[in-house]
Amino acid sequence: MKNYEGRRTIDGITVTVNGAPLDPGYDLERFTELGFEWSYEGDSPQQLALALIADCIGSEQARWWSEPFMIKVIAELDNDWQLTEDDVRKAMQSISIQFVND
């Protein structure tokens, strides 16, 4: 099981997967060159959404799902956060069900 963690420190922002730096996914899509962010909607939070989805589920779905995942999950994260692989998958399932019902 993968565990994702984000932290804001005096030295900057870190996002890890099982303790190692999370790949930003620039090879899939480059929304920003400023790195990851969270707690709001924008390019850097969307880059984080893309990276989490790509690492957890796969790159083919990451581009399409990055914006709704950013809105529903990434924009709501606290300064320091933890997500599991299951959390990411459940959020994606919830977003999918929401789109079907809209």
N, C-alpha and C. Protein backbone atom coordinates (compact mmCIF):
# COMPACT_ATOMS: atom_id res chain seq x y z
N MET A 1 0.84 -1.18 0.00
CA MET A 1 0.00 0.00 0.00
C MET A 1 0.88 1.25 0.00
N LYS A 2 0.54 2.18 -0.86
CA LYS A 2 1.30 3.42 -0.93
C LYS A 2 0.72 4.44 0.04
N ASN A 3 1.63 5.19 0.65
CA ASN A 3 1.25 6.28 1.56
C ASN A 3 1.86 7.57 1.04
N TYR A 4 1.01 8.57 0.89
CA TYR A 4 1.43 9.87 0.38
C TYR A 4 1.39 10.87 1.52
N GLU A 5 2.36 11.78 1.53
CA GLU A 5 2.43 12.76 2.60
C GLU A 5 2.93 14.09 2.05
N GLY A 6 2.27 15.16 2.47
CA GLY A 6 2.69 16.50 2.10
C GLY A 6 2.95 17.33 3.34
N ARG A 7 4.01 18.12 3.29
CA ARG A 7 4.37 18.97 4.43
C ARG A 7 4.86 20.32 3.95
N ARG A 8 4.46 21.33 4.71
CA ARG A 8 5.02 22.66 4.53
C ARG A 8 5.97 22.90 5.69
N THR A 9 7.20 23.22 5.37
CA THR A 9 8.19 23.49 6.41
C THR A 9 8.86 24.83 6.11
N ILE A 10 9.71 25.25 6.99
CA ILE A 10 10.46 26.48 6.77
C ILE A 10 11.36 26.37 5.53
N ASP A 11 11.71 25.14 5.17
CA ASP A 11 12.57 24.90 4.01
C ASP A 11 11.78 24.73 2.71
N GLY A 12 10.45 24.76 2.80
CA GLY A 12 9.63 24.63 1.61
C GLY A 12 8.65 23.47 1.71
N ILE A 13 8.16 23.06 0.56
CA ILE A 13 7.14 22.02 0.47
C ILE A 13 7.78 20.70 0.07
N THR A 14 7.34 19.64 0.73
CA THR A 14 7.76 18.30 0.32
C THR A 14 6.52 17.42 0.16
N VAL A 15 6.55 16.59 -0.87
CA VAL A 15 5.51 15.59 -1.08
C VAL A 15 6.22 14.28 -1.35
N THR A 16 5.84 13.25 -0.58
CA THR A 16 6.51 11.96 -0.71
C THR A 16 5.50 10.83 -0.90
N VAL A 17 6.00 9.76 -1.48
CA VAL A 17 5.26 8.50 -1.57
C VAL A 17 6.14 7.44 -0.90
N ASN A 18 5.64 6.86 0.16
CA ASN A 18 6.41 5.89 0.95
C ASN A 18 7.79 6.41 1.32
N GLY A 19 7.85 7.71 1.64
CA GLY A 19 9.09 8.33 2.09
C GLY A 19 10.00 8.87 1.01
N ALA A 20 9.74 8.56 -0.26
CA ALA A 20 10.56 9.06 -1.37
C ALA A 20 9.82 10.20 -2.07
N PRO A 21 10.56 11.14 -2.68
CA PRO A 21 9.90 12.25 -3.37
C PRO A 21 8.95 11.75 -4.46
N LEU A 22 7.76 12.37 -4.52
CA LEU A 22 6.77 12.03 -5.54
C LEU A 22 7.17 12.66 -6.87
N ASP A 23 7.19 11.87 -7.93
CA ASP A 23 7.48 12.37 -9.28
C ASP A 23 6.38 13.37 -9.67
N PRO A 24 6.75 14.57 -10.12
CA PRO A 24 5.74 15.57 -10.44
C PRO A 24 4.94 15.28 -11.71
N GLY A 25 5.38 14.33 -12.52
CA GLY A 25 4.62 13.97 -13.71
C GLY A 25 4.75 14.97 -14.84
N TYR A 26 5.85 15.73 -14.87
CA TYR A 26 6.03 16.72 -15.93
C TYR A 26 6.06 16.09 -17.32
N ASP A 27 6.41 14.81 -17.40
CA ASP A 27 6.43 14.14 -18.70
C ASP A 27 5.00 13.90 -19.22
N LEU A 28 4.00 13.95 -18.34
CA LEU A 28 2.61 13.76 -18.74
C LEU A 28 1.96 15.09 -19.11
N GLU A 29 2.16 16.08 -18.25
CA GLU A 29 1.59 17.42 -18.45
C GLU A 29 2.30 18.36 -17.50
N ARG A 30 2.60 19.54 -17.98
CA ARG A 30 3.27 20.55 -17.14
C ARG A 30 2.30 21.71 -16.96
N PHE A 31 1.60 21.70 -15.84
CA PHE A 31 0.69 22.80 -15.53
C PHE A 31 1.45 23.99 -14.98
N THR A 32 2.58 23.72 -14.33
CA THR A 32 3.39 24.75 -13.70
C THR A 32 4.83 24.28 -13.61
N GLU A 33 5.74 25.22 -13.46
CA GLU A 33 7.13 24.87 -13.18
C GLU A 33 7.49 25.20 -11.73
N LEU A 34 6.48 25.56 -10.96
CA LEU A 34 6.71 25.99 -9.58
C LEU A 34 6.57 24.86 -8.57
N GLY A 35 6.30 23.64 -9.03
CA GLY A 35 6.18 22.51 -8.12
C GLY A 35 4.77 22.34 -7.59
N PHE A 36 4.67 21.60 -6.51
CA PHE A 36 3.38 21.25 -5.92
C PHE A 36 2.87 22.34 -4.98
N GLU A 37 1.56 22.36 -4.83
CA GLU A 37 0.87 23.16 -3.82
C GLU A 37 -0.45 22.48 -3.53
N TRP A 38 -1.14 22.96 -2.51
CA TRP A 38 -2.46 22.43 -2.14
C TRP A 38 -3.19 23.46 -1.31
N SER A 39 -4.44 23.16 -0.96
CA SER A 39 -5.33 24.02 -0.17
C SER A 39 -6.02 25.11 -0.98
N TYR A 40 -5.89 25.07 -2.29
CA TYR A 40 -6.59 26.00 -3.16
C TYR A 40 -6.64 25.38 -4.56
N GLU A 41 -7.37 26.00 -5.47
CA GLU A 41 -7.44 25.53 -6.85
C GLU A 41 -6.48 26.36 -7.71
N GLY A 42 -5.69 25.68 -8.52
CA GLY A 42 -4.74 26.37 -9.38
C GLY A 42 -3.80 25.40 -10.07
N ASP A 43 -2.81 25.94 -10.76
CA ASP A 43 -1.89 25.13 -11.55
C ASP A 43 -1.02 24.20 -10.70
N SER A 44 -0.45 24.71 -9.62
CA SER A 44 0.41 23.87 -8.76
C SER A 44 -0.39 22.78 -8.04
N PRO A 45 -1.60 23.08 -7.54
CA PRO A 45 -2.41 21.99 -6.98
C PRO A 45 -2.83 20.97 -8.05
N GLN A 46 -3.06 21.42 -9.27
CA GLN A 46 -3.41 20.46 -10.33
C GLN A 46 -2.21 19.59 -10.68
N GLN A 47 -1.01 20.13 -10.58
CA GLN A 47 0.19 19.31 -10.81
C GLN A 47 0.28 18.21 -9.76
N LEU A 48 -0.05 18.54 -8.51
CA LEU A 48 -0.06 17.54 -7.45
C LEU A 48 -1.12 16.48 -7.71
N ALA A 49 -2.31 16.90 -8.13
CA ALA A 49 -3.38 15.95 -8.44
C ALA A 49 -2.93 14.99 -9.54
N LEU A 50 -2.34 15.52 -10.59
CA LEU A 50 -1.85 14.71 -11.70
C LEU A 50 -0.82 13.69 -11.20
N ALA A 51 0.11 14.15 -10.38
CA ALA A 51 1.19 13.28 -9.89
C ALA A 51 0.64 12.16 -8.99
N LEU A 52 -0.28 12.50 -8.11
CA LEU A 52 -0.86 11.48 -7.23
C LEU A 52 -1.62 10.42 -8.03
N ILE A 53 -2.45 10.87 -8.96
CA ILE A 53 -3.23 9.93 -9.76
C ILE A 53 -2.32 9.06 -10.61
N ALA A 54 -1.33 9.67 -11.25
CA ALA A 54 -0.41 8.91 -12.10
C ALA A 54 0.33 7.85 -11.29
N ASP A 55 0.78 8.22 -10.10
CA ASP A 55 1.52 7.27 -9.28
C ASP A 55 0.62 6.16 -8.75
N CYS A 56 -0.60 6.50 -8.41
CA CYS A 56 -1.50 5.54 -7.77
C CYS A 56 -2.26 4.68 -8.78
N ILE A 57 -2.76 5.29 -9.83
CA ILE A 57 -3.67 4.59 -10.74
C ILE A 57 -3.09 4.38 -12.13
N GLY A 58 -2.29 5.33 -12.59
CA GLY A 58 -1.70 5.21 -13.91
C GLY A 58 -1.78 6.51 -14.70
N SER A 59 -0.87 6.68 -15.61
CA SER A 59 -0.75 7.94 -16.32
C SER A 59 -1.86 8.20 -17.33
N GLU A 60 -2.46 7.15 -17.87
CA GLU A 60 -3.50 7.37 -18.89
C GLU A 60 -4.69 8.14 -18.33
N GLN A 61 -5.04 7.91 -17.10
CA GLN A 61 -6.19 8.58 -16.50
C GLN A 61 -5.82 9.90 -15.82
N ALA A 62 -4.56 10.11 -15.59
CA ALA A 62 -4.13 11.24 -14.76
C ALA A 62 -4.49 12.59 -15.36
N ARG A 63 -4.28 12.79 -16.64
CA ARG A 63 -4.58 14.10 -17.24
C ARG A 63 -6.05 14.46 -17.11
N TRP A 64 -6.92 13.52 -17.46
CA TRP A 64 -8.35 13.80 -17.46
C TRP A 64 -8.88 14.04 -16.06
N TRP A 65 -8.41 13.26 -15.09
CA TRP A 65 -8.93 13.33 -13.73
C TRP A 65 -8.26 14.40 -12.88
N SER A 66 -7.18 15.00 -13.34
CA SER A 66 -6.42 15.91 -12.48
C SER A 66 -7.23 17.13 -12.03
N GLU A 67 -8.04 17.70 -12.90
CA GLU A 67 -8.81 18.89 -12.48
C GLU A 67 -9.91 18.55 -11.47
N PRO A 68 -10.79 17.58 -11.75
CA PRO A 68 -11.80 17.28 -10.73
C PRO A 68 -11.21 16.77 -9.41
N PHE A 69 -10.10 16.03 -9.47
CA PHE A 69 -9.45 15.55 -8.25
C PHE A 69 -8.86 16.72 -7.48
N MET A 70 -8.29 17.67 -8.20
CA MET A 70 -7.74 18.86 -7.56
C MET A 70 -8.84 19.62 -6.83
N ILE A 71 -10.00 19.79 -7.47
CA ILE A 71 -11.10 20.54 -6.87
C ILE A 71 -11.65 19.82 -5.64
N LYS A 72 -11.87 18.52 -5.75
CA LYS A 72 -12.52 17.76 -4.67
C LYS A 72 -11.57 17.41 -3.52
N VAL A 73 -10.31 17.12 -3.83
CA VAL A 73 -9.39 16.60 -2.81
C VAL A 73 -8.27 17.58 -2.48
N ILE A 74 -7.49 17.95 -3.47
CA ILE A 74 -6.27 18.73 -3.23
C ILE A 74 -6.57 20.10 -2.63
N ALA A 75 -7.61 20.76 -3.12
CA ALA A 75 -7.96 22.10 -2.61
C ALA A 75 -8.41 22.06 -1.16
N GLU A 76 -8.78 20.89 -0.66
CA GLU A 76 -9.29 20.75 0.71
C GLU A 76 -8.24 20.27 1.71
N LEU A 77 -7.03 20.02 1.27
CA LEU A 77 -5.98 19.50 2.17
C LEU A 77 -5.48 20.57 3.13
N ASP A 78 -5.10 20.14 4.34
CA ASP A 78 -4.48 21.02 5.33
C ASP A 78 -3.02 21.24 4.98
N ASN A 79 -2.34 22.07 5.78
CA ASN A 79 -0.92 22.34 5.55
C ASN A 79 -0.09 21.06 5.50
N ASP A 80 -0.31 20.17 6.46
CA ASP A 80 0.34 18.86 6.47
C ASP A 80 -0.76 17.82 6.30
N TRP A 81 -0.53 16.87 5.42
CA TRP A 81 -1.58 15.89 5.10
C TRP A 81 -0.98 14.53 4.81
N GLN A 82 -1.83 13.53 4.91
CA GLN A 82 -1.49 12.16 4.54
C GLN A 82 -2.67 11.56 3.79
N LEU A 83 -2.38 10.85 2.73
CA LEU A 83 -3.37 10.09 1.97
C LEU A 83 -2.80 8.71 1.70
N THR A 84 -3.65 7.73 1.72
CA THR A 84 -3.23 6.39 1.32
C THR A 84 -3.67 6.16 -0.12
N GLU A 85 -3.15 5.10 -0.69
CA GLU A 85 -3.57 4.68 -2.02
C GLU A 85 -5.09 4.46 -2.04
N ASP A 86 -5.63 3.88 -0.99
CA ASP A 86 -7.08 3.67 -0.88
C ASP A 86 -7.84 4.99 -0.86
N ASP A 87 -7.31 6.00 -0.16
CA ASP A 87 -7.96 7.31 -0.12
C ASP A 87 -8.07 7.90 -1.53
N VAL A 88 -6.99 7.79 -2.29
CA VAL A 88 -6.99 8.32 -3.66
C VAL A 88 -8.01 7.58 -4.51
N ARG A 89 -8.01 6.28 -4.43
CA ARG A 89 -8.96 5.48 -5.22
C ARG A 89 -10.42 5.75 -4.83
N LYS A 90 -10.69 5.89 -3.54
CA LYS A 90 -12.06 6.18 -3.09
C LYS A 90 -12.51 7.56 -3.57
N ALA A 91 -11.62 8.53 -3.51
CA ALA A 91 -11.96 9.87 -4.00
C ALA A 91 -12.26 9.84 -5.50
N MET A 92 -11.46 9.09 -6.24
CA MET A 92 -11.69 8.99 -7.69
C MET A 92 -13.03 8.31 -7.96
N GLN A 93 -13.35 7.29 -7.18
CA GLN A 93 -14.63 6.61 -7.35
C GLN A 93 -15.78 7.56 -7.04
N SER A 94 -15.64 8.35 -6.01
CA SER A 94 -16.66 9.33 -5.65
C SER A 94 -16.85 10.37 -6.74
N ILE A 95 -15.76 10.83 -7.31
CA ILE A 95 -15.83 11.80 -8.41
C ILE A 95 -16.52 11.17 -9.61
N SER A 96 -16.19 9.93 -9.90
CA SER A 96 -16.79 9.21 -11.03
C SER A 96 -18.30 9.08 -10.84
N ILE A 97 -18.73 8.73 -9.65
CA ILE A 97 -20.16 8.58 -9.37
C ILE A 97 -20.86 9.94 -9.49
N GLN A 98 -20.21 10.99 -9.04
CA GLN A 98 -20.78 12.33 -9.13
C GLN A 98 -21.02 12.72 -10.58
N PHE A 99 -20.04 12.43 -11.47
CA PHE A 99 -20.20 12.76 -12.89
C PHE A 99 -21.33 11.97 -13.53
N VAL A 100 -21.47 10.73 -13.15
CA VAL A 100 -22.54 9.89 -13.70
C VAL A 100 -23.91 10.44 -13.28
N ASN A 101 -24.01 10.93 -12.05
CA ASN A 101 -25.29 11.42 -11.54
C ASN A 101 -25.61 12.85 -11.99
N ASP A 102 -24.64 13.59 -12.46
CA ASP A 102 -24.89 14.97 -12.91
C ASP A 102 -25.53 15.03 -14.28
